[in-house]
Amino acid sequence: MPKVFFLIVLLFSISIWAIPYEVVSIKEGSGEPVKSGQLIQVHFKGWLTDSTLFDDSYSRAEPLEFVLGTGQVISGWDRALVGMKKGEIRRIALPYELAYGDRAIGPIPAKSDLLFEVELLHAEQPLPPDEFPKKEIQWKALDQGVWFYDEKVGKGAVSTAGKVLHLHYTGWLSKGFKFASSKDLGKPMEVVLGAGKLIKGWEKGLNQVPEGTVRWLKVAPSMAYGATPLAKIPANSTLVFRVDLITVETDDLVTESMDFFPDTTSLTFKKGAEGLRYAVIKEGEGEPAKVGESVRVHYTGWLMDGTKFDSSKDRAQIFEFPLGGGRVIRGWDLGVEGMLPGEKRVLLVPPGLGYGSRGGGPIPPDATLLFMVEYLGV
């Protein structure tokens, strides 16, 4: 076959199968056109080029919500939806490079050109950004490595461990470089205080704060990310945050599904064997756990500064082990023995009954450990 003929055939096949980028408005909308950075809500349908429907938010009655222009959706959408008005429907043709590229996603094969119809349901106005303070803040010491300043003091419910907080925040390095902001995502952040998923500076700095408060926090590296570098946060960075505490709520389902660092000063500890101390915080009933039985527990473990290092509840996975068989730390074999089904104990485990001078993973050498253990039975 002549090379020229082969090239013509190749180009003809490409023109048949590759689709150009195209955006057509098939229903007009009204109001202000949306811009990058706005939180928007859309309904959509998506097809392969052979007319196979691969997704339909209408049929699920689940609109999609995302911040336009931030990479939360495929790049073709970030480009094609700019300028839409409320109620408008656009028909969009995307070459695969503006969709999922070389990746296969569910029913979408790799290198698939895609067709969409997208309806704009709602758009939030962009939130005004927080500004790094131009003048030095008059910080007050809150804890070792944590300082605060209240720009505004609220009068609502007070945050405590186990409460669900909705807040807006912006974070900067100490010289003013912004590394993150919930306002850039267009909606508040939801966190559970005391669940061990926040930096220690936030756990300390957002405790006992009234709803409606706007609080600035300065957090030393030891109470933030320490020597661990993140994408926009160098190692050993002091961080500055502005936190707008919008709501403080109680969610019983959340509280029941998590363990929270206990206030050891309010507990009555009993002396166990070999230096173990324990406090019963919930009584159980039934047959006590005996050496030789395979026992089932849920647990959470902390260092004494409140740092959570492990939790079966976070994994939603019950832990089972042979009691007295040496398969767990000595403090557990001693502390779980005699527990009744449904009982919850706080175990205060000295280093000699834990990981000793060797430590392990996130547990430093010679660490006293605190465990919340719930015995579920055999």
Protein backbone atom coordinates (compact mmCIF):
# COMPACT_ATOMS: atom_id res chain seq x y z
CA MET A 1 0.00 0.00 0.00
CA PRO A 2 1.46 3.44 -0.89
CA LYS A 3 2.47 5.47 2.17
CA VAL A 4 0.36 8.46 1.09
CA PHE A 5 -2.77 6.28 0.78
CA PHE A 6 -2.07 4.74 4.20
CA LEU A 7 -1.79 8.21 5.74
CA ILE A 8 -5.08 9.31 4.16
CA VAL A 9 -6.83 6.19 5.53
CA LEU A 10 -5.35 6.81 8.99
CA LEU A 11 -6.47 10.45 9.05
CA PHE A 12 -9.94 9.46 7.79
CA SER A 13 -10.31 6.90 10.60
CA ILE A 14 -9.25 9.47 13.19
CA SER A 15 -11.79 11.99 11.88
CA ILE A 16 -14.54 9.36 12.22
CA TRP A 17 -13.76 8.17 15.75
CA ALA A 18 -12.26 11.20 17.53
CA ILE A 19 -14.79 13.87 18.57
CA PRO A 20 -13.96 17.56 18.89
CA TYR A 21 -14.54 19.55 22.06
CA GLU A 22 -17.95 21.19 21.73
CA VAL A 23 -20.36 23.00 24.06
CA VAL A 24 -23.93 23.85 23.00
CA SER A 25 -26.60 25.48 25.18
CA ILE A 26 -29.90 23.66 24.54
CA LYS A 27 -31.93 25.48 27.21
CA GLU A 28 -31.35 29.02 28.40
CA GLY A 29 -30.97 29.91 32.05
CA SER A 30 -31.21 33.10 34.05
CA GLY A 31 -29.19 35.04 36.59
CA GLU A 32 -25.47 35.57 36.93
CA PRO A 33 -23.10 33.27 35.01
CA VAL A 34 -21.04 30.97 37.23
CA LYS A 35 -17.30 31.40 37.64
CA SER A 36 -14.44 29.20 38.75
CA GLY A 37 -14.37 28.94 42.53
CA GLN A 38 -18.14 28.77 43.01
CA LEU A 39 -19.87 25.83 44.67
CA ILE A 40 -22.43 24.57 42.14
CA GLN A 41 -25.05 21.82 41.99
CA VAL A 42 -25.90 20.07 38.73
CA HIS A 43 -27.92 17.21 37.27
CA PHE A 44 -26.37 15.35 34.36
CA LYS A 45 -26.48 12.41 31.98
CA GLY A 46 -23.39 10.87 30.39
CA TRP A 47 -23.02 8.68 27.31
CA LEU A 48 -20.29 6.90 25.43
CA THR A 49 -20.10 7.79 21.74
CA ASP A 50 -22.03 4.60 20.88
CA SER A 51 -25.00 6.05 22.86
CA THR A 52 -24.44 3.81 25.90
CA LEU A 53 -25.70 5.68 28.98
CA PHE A 54 -23.09 5.23 31.73
CA ASP A 55 -24.42 7.63 34.38
CA ASP A 56 -27.59 9.56 35.17
CA SER A 57 -27.99 11.68 38.30
CA TYR A 58 -31.68 12.29 37.48
CA SER A 59 -32.55 8.61 37.90
CA ARG A 60 -30.78 8.53 41.29
CA ALA A 61 -32.37 11.85 42.34
CA GLU A 62 -28.85 12.81 43.50
CA PRO A 63 -27.51 16.08 42.10
CA LEU A 64 -23.74 16.44 42.00
CA GLU A 65 -22.18 19.23 44.06
CA PHE A 66 -18.63 20.51 43.56
CA VAL A 67 -16.51 23.64 43.33
CA LEU A 68 -16.03 24.67 39.73
CA GLY A 69 -12.49 25.04 38.45
CA THR A 70 -10.73 23.25 41.32
CA GLY A 71 -10.13 19.83 39.76
CA GLN A 72 -12.90 18.07 41.67
CA VAL A 73 -14.37 16.91 38.35
CA ILE A 74 -12.90 16.07 34.95
CA SER A 75 -11.07 18.96 33.28
CA GLY A 76 -13.60 19.13 30.44
CA TRP A 77 -16.36 19.95 32.92
CA ASP A 78 -14.27 22.61 34.68
CA ARG A 79 -13.84 24.22 31.27
CA ALA A 80 -17.30 23.67 29.75
CA LEU A 81 -19.51 24.74 32.67
CA VAL A 82 -17.99 28.19 33.21
CA GLY A 83 -20.56 30.85 32.32
CA MET A 84 -23.66 28.69 32.82
CA LYS A 85 -26.75 30.28 34.34
CA LYS A 86 -29.26 28.73 36.72
CA GLY A 87 -31.67 26.48 34.80
CA GLU A 88 -29.45 26.28 31.72
CA ILE A 89 -28.77 22.92 30.09
CA ARG A 90 -25.63 22.38 28.05
CA ARG A 91 -24.77 19.54 25.69
CA ILE A 92 -21.04 18.82 25.90
CA ALA A 93 -18.76 16.67 23.72
CA LEU A 94 -15.39 15.84 25.28
CA PRO A 95 -12.41 14.12 23.67
CA TYR A 96 -10.92 11.57 26.03
CA GLU A 97 -8.00 13.88 26.90
CA LEU A 98 -10.51 16.20 28.64
CA ALA A 99 -12.31 13.30 30.32
CA TYR A 100 -10.62 10.29 31.96
CA GLY A 101 -7.70 9.97 29.55
CA ASP A 102 -5.96 6.60 29.48
CA ARG A 103 -7.82 5.37 32.58
CA ALA A 104 -10.78 3.01 32.56
CA ILE A 105 -13.37 4.15 35.13
CA GLY A 106 -16.20 1.71 35.90
CA PRO A 107 -18.25 1.32 32.69
CA ILE A 108 -16.07 3.86 30.85
CA PRO A 109 -13.25 2.22 28.83
CA ALA A 110 -9.84 3.83 28.59
CA LYS A 111 -9.47 6.59 25.99
CA SER A 112 -13.23 7.12 25.75
CA ASP A 113 -14.65 10.27 24.20
CA LEU A 114 -17.76 11.25 26.16
CA LEU A 115 -21.05 13.10 25.66
CA PHE A 116 -22.93 14.90 28.46
CA GLU A 117 -26.04 16.92 29.12
CA VAL A 118 -25.61 19.08 32.23
CA GLU A 119 -28.26 21.21 33.96
CA LEU A 120 -27.21 23.90 36.45
CA LEU A 121 -29.52 23.75 39.47
CA HIS A 122 -27.86 26.09 41.94
CA ALA A 123 -24.73 28.16 42.49
CA GLU A 124 -23.42 29.64 45.73
CA GLN A 125 -21.75 33.01 45.64
CA PRO A 126 -17.98 32.80 46.20
CA LEU A 127 -16.97 33.30 49.83
CA PRO A 128 -14.73 36.28 50.59
CA PRO A 129 -11.22 34.98 51.28
CA ASP A 130 -9.54 35.30 54.67
CA GLU A 131 -6.56 37.65 54.78
CA PHE A 132 -3.32 36.97 56.61
CA PRO A 133 -2.99 39.58 59.39
CA LYS A 134 -0.90 42.60 58.47
CA LYS A 135 -0.21 43.45 62.11
CA GLU A 136 1.20 41.16 64.79
CA ILE A 137 -1.58 39.41 66.69
CA GLN A 138 -1.57 39.66 70.48
CA TRP A 139 -1.38 35.93 71.08
CA LYS A 140 -2.36 34.28 74.37
CA ALA A 141 -0.82 30.97 75.42
CA LEU A 142 -3.38 28.18 75.52
CA ASP A 143 -1.19 25.09 75.86
CA GLN A 144 2.41 24.19 75.20
CA GLY A 145 2.91 25.00 71.52
CA VAL A 146 -0.58 26.50 71.01
CA TRP A 147 -1.54 30.19 71.11
CA PHE A 148 -4.90 31.82 70.37
CA TYR A 149 -6.62 35.13 69.75
CA ASP A 150 -10.41 35.50 69.55
CA GLU A 151 -11.47 37.93 66.83
CA LYS A 152 -15.07 37.32 67.91
CA VAL A 153 -16.52 35.40 70.86
CA GLY A 154 -19.73 33.51 70.17
CA LYS A 155 -22.61 32.79 72.53
CA GLY A 156 -23.81 29.39 71.31
CA ALA A 157 -23.20 25.79 72.34
CA VAL A 158 -19.70 25.03 73.59
CA SER A 159 -17.44 22.54 71.82
CA THR A 160 -16.32 19.44 73.74
CA ALA A 161 -14.97 16.01 72.84
CA GLY A 162 -17.50 14.11 70.76
CA LYS A 163 -19.22 17.20 69.35
CA VAL A 164 -19.58 17.63 65.60
CA LEU A 165 -18.18 20.99 64.49
CA HIS A 166 -18.97 22.79 61.24
CA LEU A 167 -16.39 25.45 60.51
CA HIS A 168 -14.60 27.48 57.90
CA TYR A 169 -10.84 27.76 58.15
CA THR A 170 -7.82 29.13 56.36
CA GLY A 171 -4.27 28.02 57.12
CA TRP A 172 -1.01 29.83 56.45
CA LEU A 173 2.66 29.24 57.07
CA SER A 174 4.07 31.73 59.59
CA LYS A 175 5.31 34.04 56.81
CA GLY A 176 1.87 34.30 55.19
CA PHE A 177 1.82 31.59 52.50
CA LYS A 178 -1.71 30.13 52.33
CA PHE A 179 -1.68 26.34 52.10
CA ALA A 180 -5.38 25.49 52.53
CA SER A 181 -8.83 27.00 52.98
CA SER A 182 -12.31 25.50 53.23
CA LYS A 183 -13.57 28.69 51.58
CA ASP A 184 -11.79 27.69 48.38
CA LEU A 185 -13.99 24.57 48.40
CA GLY A 186 -17.15 26.59 48.89
CA LYS A 187 -18.52 24.79 51.94
CA PRO A 188 -17.72 24.35 55.63
CA MET A 189 -15.57 21.55 56.95
CA GLU A 190 -17.13 18.98 59.31
CA VAL A 191 -14.94 17.54 62.09
CA VAL A 192 -15.50 15.52 65.25
CA LEU A 193 -13.59 16.98 68.17
CA GLY A 194 -11.61 14.45 70.20
CA ALA A 195 -11.73 11.70 67.58
CA GLY A 196 -7.97 11.86 67.04
CA LYS A 197 -8.17 12.92 63.39
CA LEU A 198 -7.09 16.54 63.85
CA ILE A 199 -3.67 17.96 64.60
CA LYS A 200 -3.11 18.33 68.33
CA GLY A 201 -3.11 22.11 68.00
CA TRP A 202 -6.70 21.97 66.75
CA GLU A 203 -7.80 19.45 69.38
CA LYS A 204 -6.50 21.81 72.08
CA GLY A 205 -7.37 25.07 70.35
CA LEU A 206 -10.97 24.25 69.44
CA ASN A 207 -11.96 22.67 72.76
CA GLN A 208 -14.38 24.63 74.98
CA VAL A 209 -15.08 27.21 72.26
CA PRO A 210 -18.60 28.70 71.93
CA GLU A 211 -20.47 28.39 68.65
CA GLY A 212 -20.12 31.59 66.62
CA THR A 213 -16.54 32.26 67.73
CA VAL A 214 -13.89 33.33 65.22
CA ARG A 215 -10.56 32.12 66.62
CA TRP A 216 -7.01 32.54 65.39
CA LEU A 217 -4.55 29.80 66.30
CA LYS A 218 -0.77 29.71 66.12
CA VAL A 219 0.48 26.13 66.28
CA ALA A 220 4.07 25.04 66.84
CA PRO A 221 5.44 22.13 64.76
CA SER A 222 5.21 19.77 67.74
CA MET A 223 1.43 20.32 67.83
CA ALA A 224 1.01 20.22 64.04
CA TYR A 225 2.88 18.03 61.53
CA GLY A 226 6.31 18.05 63.18
CA ALA A 227 9.19 16.93 61.00
CA THR A 228 6.87 15.38 58.41
CA PRO A 229 6.68 17.52 55.24
CA LEU A 230 3.39 17.76 53.37
CA ALA A 231 2.69 19.02 49.85
CA LYS A 232 2.53 22.71 50.81
CA ILE A 233 3.83 22.51 54.38
CA PRO A 234 7.59 22.12 54.89
CA ALA A 235 8.93 20.08 57.80
CA ASN A 236 8.98 21.79 61.21
CA SER A 237 6.57 24.55 60.17
CA THR A 238 4.73 26.81 62.59
CA LEU A 239 1.18 27.27 61.28
CA VAL A 240 -1.40 30.05 61.61
CA PHE A 241 -5.14 29.40 61.27
CA ARG A 242 -8.29 31.50 61.20
CA VAL A 243 -11.22 29.32 62.28
CA ASP A 244 -14.86 30.43 62.09
CA LEU A 245 -16.85 28.02 64.28
CA ILE A 246 -20.29 27.99 62.64
CA THR A 247 -22.13 25.25 64.56
CA VAL A 248 -21.54 22.84 67.44
CA GLU A 249 -23.82 19.80 67.27
CA THR A 250 -24.43 16.54 69.08
CA ASP A 251 -24.74 13.39 66.98
CA ASP A 252 -25.42 10.29 69.08
CA LEU A 253 -24.57 7.93 66.21
CA VAL A 254 -21.17 9.56 65.79
CA THR A 255 -20.51 9.50 69.53
CA GLU A 256 -21.42 5.82 69.84
CA SER A 257 -19.21 4.85 66.90
CA MET A 258 -16.04 6.43 68.33
CA ASP A 259 -13.95 6.42 71.47
CA PHE A 260 -12.74 9.72 72.88
CA PHE A 261 -9.68 10.40 74.98
CA PRO A 262 -10.87 10.00 78.58
CA ASP A 263 -10.35 12.54 81.34
CA THR A 264 -8.22 10.38 83.62
CA THR A 265 -8.56 12.86 86.50
CA SER A 266 -12.28 12.09 86.74
CA LEU A 267 -11.86 8.29 86.75
CA THR A 268 -11.44 6.00 89.74
CA PHE A 269 -8.64 3.58 88.89
CA LYS A 270 -8.22 0.20 90.57
CA LYS A 271 -4.92 -1.57 91.02
CA GLY A 272 -4.48 -4.58 88.78
CA ALA A 273 -1.73 -7.19 88.58
CA GLU A 274 1.89 -6.26 87.86
CA GLY A 275 1.35 -2.50 87.98
CA LEU A 276 -1.65 -2.32 85.66
CA ARG A 277 -4.37 0.15 86.59
CA TYR A 278 -7.91 0.09 85.23
CA ALA A 279 -11.22 1.90 85.55
CA VAL A 280 -14.61 0.41 84.71
CA ILE A 281 -16.69 3.02 82.87
CA LYS A 282 -19.54 0.74 81.79
CA GLU A 283 -20.71 -2.40 83.55
CA GLY A 284 -21.32 -5.63 81.67
CA GLU A 285 -23.16 -8.84 82.43
CA GLY A 286 -22.68 -12.53 81.76
CA GLU A 287 -19.68 -14.82 81.99
CA PRO A 288 -16.28 -13.21 82.65
CA ALA A 289 -13.47 -13.51 80.11
CA LYS A 290 -11.15 -16.40 81.00
CA VAL A 291 -7.59 -17.31 80.05
CA GLY A 292 -7.61 -19.70 77.09
CA GLU A 293 -10.76 -18.27 75.51
CA SER A 294 -10.79 -16.49 72.16
CA VAL A 295 -12.15 -13.08 73.12
CA ARG A 296 -13.59 -10.30 70.95
CA VAL A 297 -13.06 -6.62 71.70
CA HIS A 298 -13.27 -3.13 70.29
CA TYR A 299 -10.49 -0.80 71.41
CA THR A 300 -8.79 2.54 70.98
CA GLY A 301 -5.26 3.33 72.14
CA TRP A 302 -3.65 6.68 72.97
CA LEU A 303 -0.37 8.05 74.17
CA MET A 304 -0.70 10.03 77.38
CA ASP A 305 -0.67 13.34 75.49
CA GLY A 306 -3.90 12.31 73.73
CA THR A 307 -2.33 11.13 70.48
CA LYS A 308 -4.41 8.26 69.12
CA PHE A 309 -2.26 5.53 67.59
CA ASP A 310 -4.78 2.79 66.83
CA SER A 311 -8.50 2.01 66.92
CA SER A 312 -10.52 -0.99 65.80
CA LYS A 313 -13.56 1.30 65.63
CA ASP A 314 -11.93 3.44 62.96
CA ARG A 315 -11.58 0.27 60.88
CA ALA A 316 -15.06 -1.00 61.89
CA GLN A 317 -13.35 -4.32 62.58
CA ILE A 318 -13.66 -6.32 65.82
CA PHE A 319 -10.33 -7.57 67.19
CA GLU A 320 -10.16 -11.21 68.34
CA PHE A 321 -7.29 -12.87 70.22
CA PRO A 322 -6.61 -15.81 72.58
CA LEU A 323 -6.62 -14.42 76.12
CA GLY A 324 -3.45 -15.21 78.05
CA GLY A 325 -1.69 -16.60 75.00
CA GLY A 326 0.90 -13.84 74.72
CA ARG A 327 -0.44 -12.70 71.35
CA VAL A 328 -1.02 -9.17 72.64
CA ILE A 329 0.85 -6.93 75.07
CA ARG A 330 0.93 -8.18 78.66
CA GLY A 331 -1.25 -5.28 79.81
CA TRP A 332 -4.06 -6.53 77.61
CA ASP A 333 -3.86 -10.13 78.79
CA LEU A 334 -4.11 -8.86 82.36
CA GLY A 335 -6.64 -6.09 81.72
CA VAL A 336 -9.22 -8.02 79.69
CA GLU A 337 -9.28 -11.06 81.98
CA GLY A 338 -12.42 -10.96 84.10
CA MET A 339 -14.31 -8.48 81.93
CA LEU A 340 -18.02 -9.18 81.41
CA PRO A 341 -19.71 -8.96 77.99
CA GLY A 342 -20.64 -5.34 77.29
CA GLU A 343 -18.17 -3.99 79.85
CA LYS A 344 -15.91 -1.06 78.96
CA ARG A 345 -12.64 -0.39 80.74
CA VAL A 346 -9.92 2.20 80.56
CA LEU A 347 -6.55 0.47 80.91
CA LEU A 348 -3.52 2.46 82.09
CA VAL A 349 -0.61 0.37 80.86
CA PRO A 350 2.94 1.10 82.10
CA PRO A 351 5.84 0.62 79.64
CA GLY A 352 6.78 -2.75 81.11
CA LEU A 353 3.33 -4.12 80.25
CA GLY A 354 3.25 -2.39 76.86
CA TYR A 355 6.04 -2.01 74.32
CA GLY A 356 8.85 -1.36 76.80
CA SER A 357 12.08 0.31 75.76
CA ARG A 358 11.73 -0.77 72.12
CA GLY A 359 8.47 1.04 71.33
CA GLY A 360 6.70 0.17 68.11
CA GLY A 361 5.51 2.18 65.09
CA PRO A 362 3.96 5.42 66.39
CA ILE A 363 4.60 4.36 70.01
CA PRO A 364 7.88 5.77 71.37
CA PRO A 365 10.14 3.81 73.74
CA ASP A 366 9.13 3.68 77.42
CA ALA A 367 5.63 5.00 76.71
CA THR A 368 2.76 4.65 79.15
CA LEU A 369 -0.36 3.81 77.15
CA LEU A 370 -4.06 4.40 77.65
CA PHE A 371 -6.64 2.05 76.14
CA MET A 372 -10.42 2.09 75.96
CA VAL A 373 -11.47 -1.57 75.68
CA GLU A 374 -15.00 -2.89 75.18
CA TYR A 375 -15.41 -6.64 75.73
CA LEU A 376 -17.91 -8.12 73.27
CA GLY A 377 -17.74 -11.73 74.43
CA VAL A 378 -16.27 -14.95 73.07
